[in-house]
Protein backbone atom coordinates (compact mmCIF):
# COMPACT_ATOMS: atom_id res chain seq x y z
CA MET A 1 65.80 150.67 116.79
CA LEU A 2 64.65 147.50 117.30
CA ASP A 3 61.99 146.83 119.43
CA TYR A 4 60.35 144.17 120.85
CA GLY A 5 58.22 145.80 123.75
CA GLN A 6 59.64 144.61 126.50
CA VAL A 7 63.00 144.73 124.94
CA VAL A 8 64.38 147.88 122.76
CA TYR A 9 67.78 147.46 121.16
CA LEU A 10 69.32 150.55 119.83
CA ASP A 11 71.45 150.26 116.87
CA PRO A 12 74.12 152.79 115.99
CA GLN A 13 76.03 152.04 112.45
CA LYS A 14 78.88 149.82 112.44
CA THR A 15 78.51 148.29 116.36
CA GLY A 16 77.62 144.90 114.90
CA THR A 17 74.11 145.94 114.74
CA THR A 18 73.26 143.29 111.97
CA PHE A 19 74.46 140.53 113.92
CA VAL A 20 72.71 141.55 117.10
CA ALA A 21 69.38 141.78 115.25
CA GLU A 22 69.48 138.69 113.68
CA PHE A 23 70.37 136.83 116.85
CA LEU A 24 67.46 138.79 118.73
CA ARG A 25 64.96 137.53 115.93
CA ASP A 26 66.26 133.85 115.94
CA HIS A 27 66.62 133.70 120.07
CA LEU A 28 63.92 136.41 121.41
CA ASP A 29 60.28 134.73 121.97
CA LEU A 30 59.06 138.07 121.14
CA GLU A 31 56.87 140.14 118.50
CA CYS A 32 59.01 142.24 116.30
CA LEU A 33 57.01 145.95 116.93
CA CYS A 34 59.05 148.40 114.72
CA TYR A 35 62.27 148.13 113.22
CA ARG A 36 63.98 151.48 112.14
CA LYS A 37 67.20 151.29 111.50
CA HIS A 38 69.94 153.65 112.99
CA LYS A 39 66.97 155.44 114.23
CA PRO A 40 66.29 156.79 117.56
CA VAL A 41 62.86 155.61 119.81
CA ARG A 42 59.88 157.74 118.70
CA GLY A 43 56.58 158.17 120.22
CA ARG A 44 55.44 157.16 123.72
CA LEU A 45 58.04 154.26 125.40
CA HIS A 46 57.28 151.46 126.80
CA GLN A 47 56.82 151.09 130.64
CA ASN A 48 59.61 149.51 132.08
CA ALA A 49 61.10 148.16 129.06
CA PHE A 50 64.74 146.83 129.05
CA HIS A 51 66.62 149.41 126.37
CA PHE A 52 70.41 148.25 125.80
CA ILE A 53 72.76 149.56 123.13
CA SER A 54 76.12 148.59 120.67
CA VAL A 55 79.32 150.70 120.72
CA ARG A 56 82.48 149.94 118.95
CA ASN A 57 85.98 151.47 120.05
CA PRO A 58 85.30 154.92 117.27
CA VAL A 59 88.83 154.27 115.89
CA ASP A 60 88.40 151.50 114.74
CA GLN A 61 84.71 152.78 113.14
CA TYR A 62 86.21 155.48 111.20
CA VAL A 63 88.16 152.73 109.74
CA SER A 64 85.12 150.68 108.80
CA LEU A 65 83.12 153.42 107.56
CA TYR A 66 85.85 154.29 105.14
CA LYS A 67 86.53 150.87 104.00
CA TYR A 68 82.30 150.74 103.50
CA GLY A 69 82.71 153.59 101.43
CA LEU A 70 85.33 151.82 99.20
CA LYS A 71 82.68 149.44 98.30
CA LYS A 72 80.57 152.26 97.36
CA GLY A 73 78.27 151.70 100.48
CA GLY A 74 76.33 154.61 102.43
CA ARG A 75 75.37 158.28 102.10
CA LEU A 76 78.22 159.67 103.24
CA ARG A 77 80.20 158.04 100.55
CA ARG A 78 77.22 158.98 97.97
CA ARG A 79 77.51 162.82 99.23
CA LEU A 80 81.22 163.38 98.97
CA TYR A 81 80.86 161.16 95.49
CA LYS A 82 78.51 164.21 94.19
CA ASN A 83 80.49 167.17 95.38
CA GLY A 84 83.37 165.89 93.70
CA LEU A 85 85.51 163.81 96.52
CA ASP A 86 85.28 160.44 94.78
CA ASP A 87 88.96 160.79 95.08
CA LEU A 88 89.17 160.37 98.72
CA TYR A 89 88.50 156.58 98.02
CA GLU A 90 91.26 155.17 95.99
CA GLY A 91 91.88 152.65 98.72
CA SER A 92 95.50 154.17 99.61
CA PRO A 93 96.92 155.53 103.18
CA GLN A 94 97.37 158.88 101.69
CA SER A 95 93.77 159.03 100.29
CA PHE A 96 92.52 157.39 103.84
CA ASN A 97 94.31 160.07 105.80
CA ALA A 98 92.79 162.86 103.69
CA TRP A 99 89.12 161.40 103.87
CA LEU A 100 89.69 161.31 108.14
CA GLU A 101 91.15 165.04 107.43
CA LYS A 102 87.89 166.16 105.77
CA ILE A 103 85.33 163.87 108.10
CA LEU A 104 87.21 165.36 110.97
CA HIS A 105 87.73 169.03 110.31
CA ASP A 106 85.56 169.69 107.36
CA PRO A 107 82.44 171.66 108.95
CA GLU A 108 80.34 171.06 105.33
CA VAL A 109 80.86 167.17 105.77
CA ALA A 110 77.90 167.96 108.63
CA THR A 111 75.60 168.57 106.14
CA TYR A 112 76.39 165.28 104.41
CA VAL A 113 75.88 163.15 107.75
CA LYS A 114 72.34 164.74 108.40
CA ASP A 115 70.26 163.97 111.26
CA GLY A 116 71.17 167.21 112.85
CA TYR A 117 74.98 166.65 113.05
CA GLU A 118 75.49 170.69 111.48
CA ASN A 119 73.57 171.91 114.53
CA VAL A 120 75.85 170.85 117.48
CA ASP A 121 79.59 171.63 118.60
CA ARG A 122 81.31 168.68 116.71
CA ASN A 123 84.06 170.27 118.70
CA LEU A 124 83.04 168.59 121.64
CA ILE A 125 80.96 165.42 120.07
CA GLY A 126 82.66 163.61 116.83
CA LEU A 127 80.98 161.88 114.28
CA GLN A 128 80.82 158.42 115.93
CA SER A 129 79.76 160.08 119.30
CA PHE A 130 77.40 161.59 117.80
CA ARG A 131 76.08 158.46 116.21
CA PHE A 132 75.98 157.00 119.60
CA LEU A 133 74.11 159.91 121.50
CA SER A 134 71.59 160.06 118.84
CA LEU A 135 70.24 156.43 119.77
CA SER A 136 70.96 157.23 123.67
CA PHE A 137 67.94 159.50 124.12
CA GLN A 138 64.26 159.37 122.61
CA TYR A 139 64.31 162.86 121.39
CA PRO A 140 68.47 163.75 121.06
CA LEU A 141 68.80 166.61 119.20
CA PRO A 142 67.54 169.26 121.35
CA LEU A 143 69.58 168.16 124.21
CA LEU A 144 72.76 167.41 122.16
CA LYS A 145 72.23 170.91 120.37
CA ILE A 146 72.37 172.95 123.34
CA ALA A 147 75.72 171.37 124.89
CA GLN A 148 78.54 174.25 125.17
CA LYS A 149 81.55 172.22 127.10
CA TYR A 150 82.31 168.89 127.40
CA GLN A 151 80.67 168.08 130.98
CA ASP A 152 76.98 168.96 129.59
CA VAL A 153 77.24 166.07 126.82
CA ARG A 154 78.23 163.57 130.16
CA SER A 155 75.68 164.83 132.19
CA THR A 156 73.16 165.17 129.71
CA TYR A 157 73.96 161.34 128.92
CA ASP A 158 73.81 160.41 132.78
CA GLU A 159 70.13 161.99 132.89
CA HIS A 160 68.72 161.59 129.69
CA ARG A 161 69.92 157.66 128.55
CA LEU A 162 67.40 155.34 127.29
CA HIS A 163 69.73 152.39 127.99
CA SER A 164 71.13 150.87 131.11
CA HIS A 165 73.54 148.29 129.20
CA VAL A 166 76.04 148.77 126.33
CA ILE A 167 77.42 146.11 124.72
CA ARG A 168 81.00 146.16 122.65
CA LEU A 169 81.67 144.70 119.26
CA GLU A 170 85.05 143.81 120.65
CA SER A 171 83.43 141.50 123.35
CA LEU A 172 79.93 141.12 121.13
CA ASN A 173 79.18 137.28 122.07
CA LYS A 174 80.22 138.03 125.72
CA ASP A 175 78.44 140.72 125.98
CA LEU A 176 74.92 139.37 124.40
CA ALA A 177 75.40 136.03 126.08
CA ASN A 178 76.00 137.97 129.54
CA LEU A 179 72.44 139.38 128.57
CA PHE A 180 70.45 136.29 128.13
CA ARG A 181 71.77 134.56 131.33
CA GLY A 182 70.49 138.31 132.73
CA PRO A 183 67.92 140.79 131.75
CA LEU A 184 66.55 138.68 128.30
CA ALA A 185 66.74 135.13 129.76
CA ALA A 186 62.86 135.54 130.81
CA TYR A 187 62.44 136.54 126.80
CA ALA A 188 64.41 133.71 125.53
CA LYS A 189 63.10 130.94 123.11
CA ASN A 190 65.36 128.49 124.86
CA LYS A 191 68.39 129.86 127.23
CA LYS A 192 70.53 127.36 126.27
CA THR A 193 70.20 127.26 122.80
CA ALA A 194 71.11 130.89 122.53
CA LEU A 195 74.19 130.52 124.73
CA LYS A 196 75.87 127.12 122.53
CA GLU A 197 75.01 129.27 119.20
CA LEU A 198 77.12 132.13 120.55
CA LYS A 199 80.11 130.26 122.06
CA GLN A 200 79.93 128.40 118.41
CA LEU A 201 79.45 131.38 116.51
CA ASN A 202 82.52 133.45 114.73
CA ARG A 203 81.09 136.98 114.30
CA ILE A 204 84.53 138.65 113.04
CA ASN A 205 84.26 138.80 109.16
CA SER A 206 88.04 137.86 108.23
CA THR A 207 88.52 141.01 105.42
CA GLU A 208 88.10 143.04 108.19
CA ASN A 209 91.46 143.19 109.16
CA LYS A 210 93.07 143.37 105.18
CA GLY A 211 93.75 146.29 103.24
CA ILE A 212 93.41 149.54 105.03
CA GLY A 213 93.61 149.83 108.65
CA ARG A 214 94.32 151.47 112.07
CA LYS A 215 98.33 151.20 111.13
CA ASP A 216 97.83 153.70 108.38
CA ILE A 217 95.70 156.62 110.44
CA SER A 218 98.51 159.22 110.42
CA THR A 219 99.56 160.52 114.02
CA ASP A 220 97.85 163.74 113.84
CA ASN A 221 94.56 162.39 112.24
CA LEU A 222 94.84 159.67 115.63
CA SER A 223 95.42 162.82 118.02
CA ALA A 224 91.94 164.31 116.66
CA ILE A 225 90.07 161.44 116.49
CA CYS A 226 90.62 160.84 120.04
CA GLU A 227 90.06 164.29 120.78
CA ALA A 228 86.54 164.39 118.59
CA GLU A 229 85.55 161.19 120.27
CA ARG A 230 86.51 161.82 123.68
CA PHE A 231 83.08 160.82 124.90
CA LEU A 232 82.86 157.42 123.68
CA LEU A 233 86.44 156.89 124.27
CA GLU A 234 86.81 157.39 127.84
CA LEU A 235 83.58 156.01 129.05
CA TYR A 236 84.33 153.14 127.08
CA TYR A 237 87.95 152.77 125.64
CA PRO A 238 90.07 154.34 128.02
CA GLU A 239 93.15 152.91 126.71
CA GLU A 240 92.70 154.66 123.83
CA LEU A 241 93.24 158.09 125.39
CA LYS A 242 97.10 157.41 126.75
CA PRO A 243 98.62 159.33 123.94
CA MET A 244 97.04 161.89 124.63
CA MET A 245 98.15 162.39 128.57
CA SER A 246 101.02 164.41 127.07
CA ASP A 247 101.02 167.53 128.61
CA GLU A 248 100.02 168.87 125.11
CA GLY A 249 97.06 166.16 125.38
CA SER A 250 96.19 167.12 128.58
CA GLN A 251 95.87 170.78 127.59
CA ILE A 252 93.65 170.12 124.67
CA MET A 253 91.28 168.07 126.96
CA ALA A 254 91.28 170.87 129.24
CA LYS A 255 90.08 173.21 126.69
CA ALA A 256 87.21 170.73 125.74
CA ALA A 257 86.01 170.34 129.63
């Protein structure tokens, strides 16, 4: 959470947050009041503040999280290592899929994630959806742990979310430009300079598409991701759910509803 008083950016992990935070720092004519990286809003809310959040396709988010672990980064990687599971980070398609199976199906992993993930129904709320929802509310855990069906998650999000805008990693420069043309324009140091920089900057890391990728995800793991991350996919990446619209997939979705 990056708090500028009139503007609050909610920053789920692996959604372009470093880029966004640095861009806001450079181009907002506001003082940063608080920066709690990947943490929800706490304390008194600012009246009439503009809240926005970033999101990423959760399939790619799992790939990014695994590749971050290959560099020995992240709390999840450290916890898996401490529990004798370092072989999951060999960097091969086989170890990647074994890692995915562990993350998607082993309830013990929720205790490695922390932040209360072990207290929610993980059949309804996958890891990436949890991280997004944890920043969408001021006090997320009391809201998320009582959800008993998928519609509970959707209605809670619709009723209690702090943000009015969502920017996607896949169109980050364009989405940020739209914000600086609209709700952030009044707070920009120089709107034209900000828009020009967004037009020229190339955010994408050239190494992101090298090595392990979504091409290596097994069919079973891809289906499991689609089921676990239904919330994010249905709202922001519905094209990923097309493979789940078969008869078998529809039955899976109906059970979660």
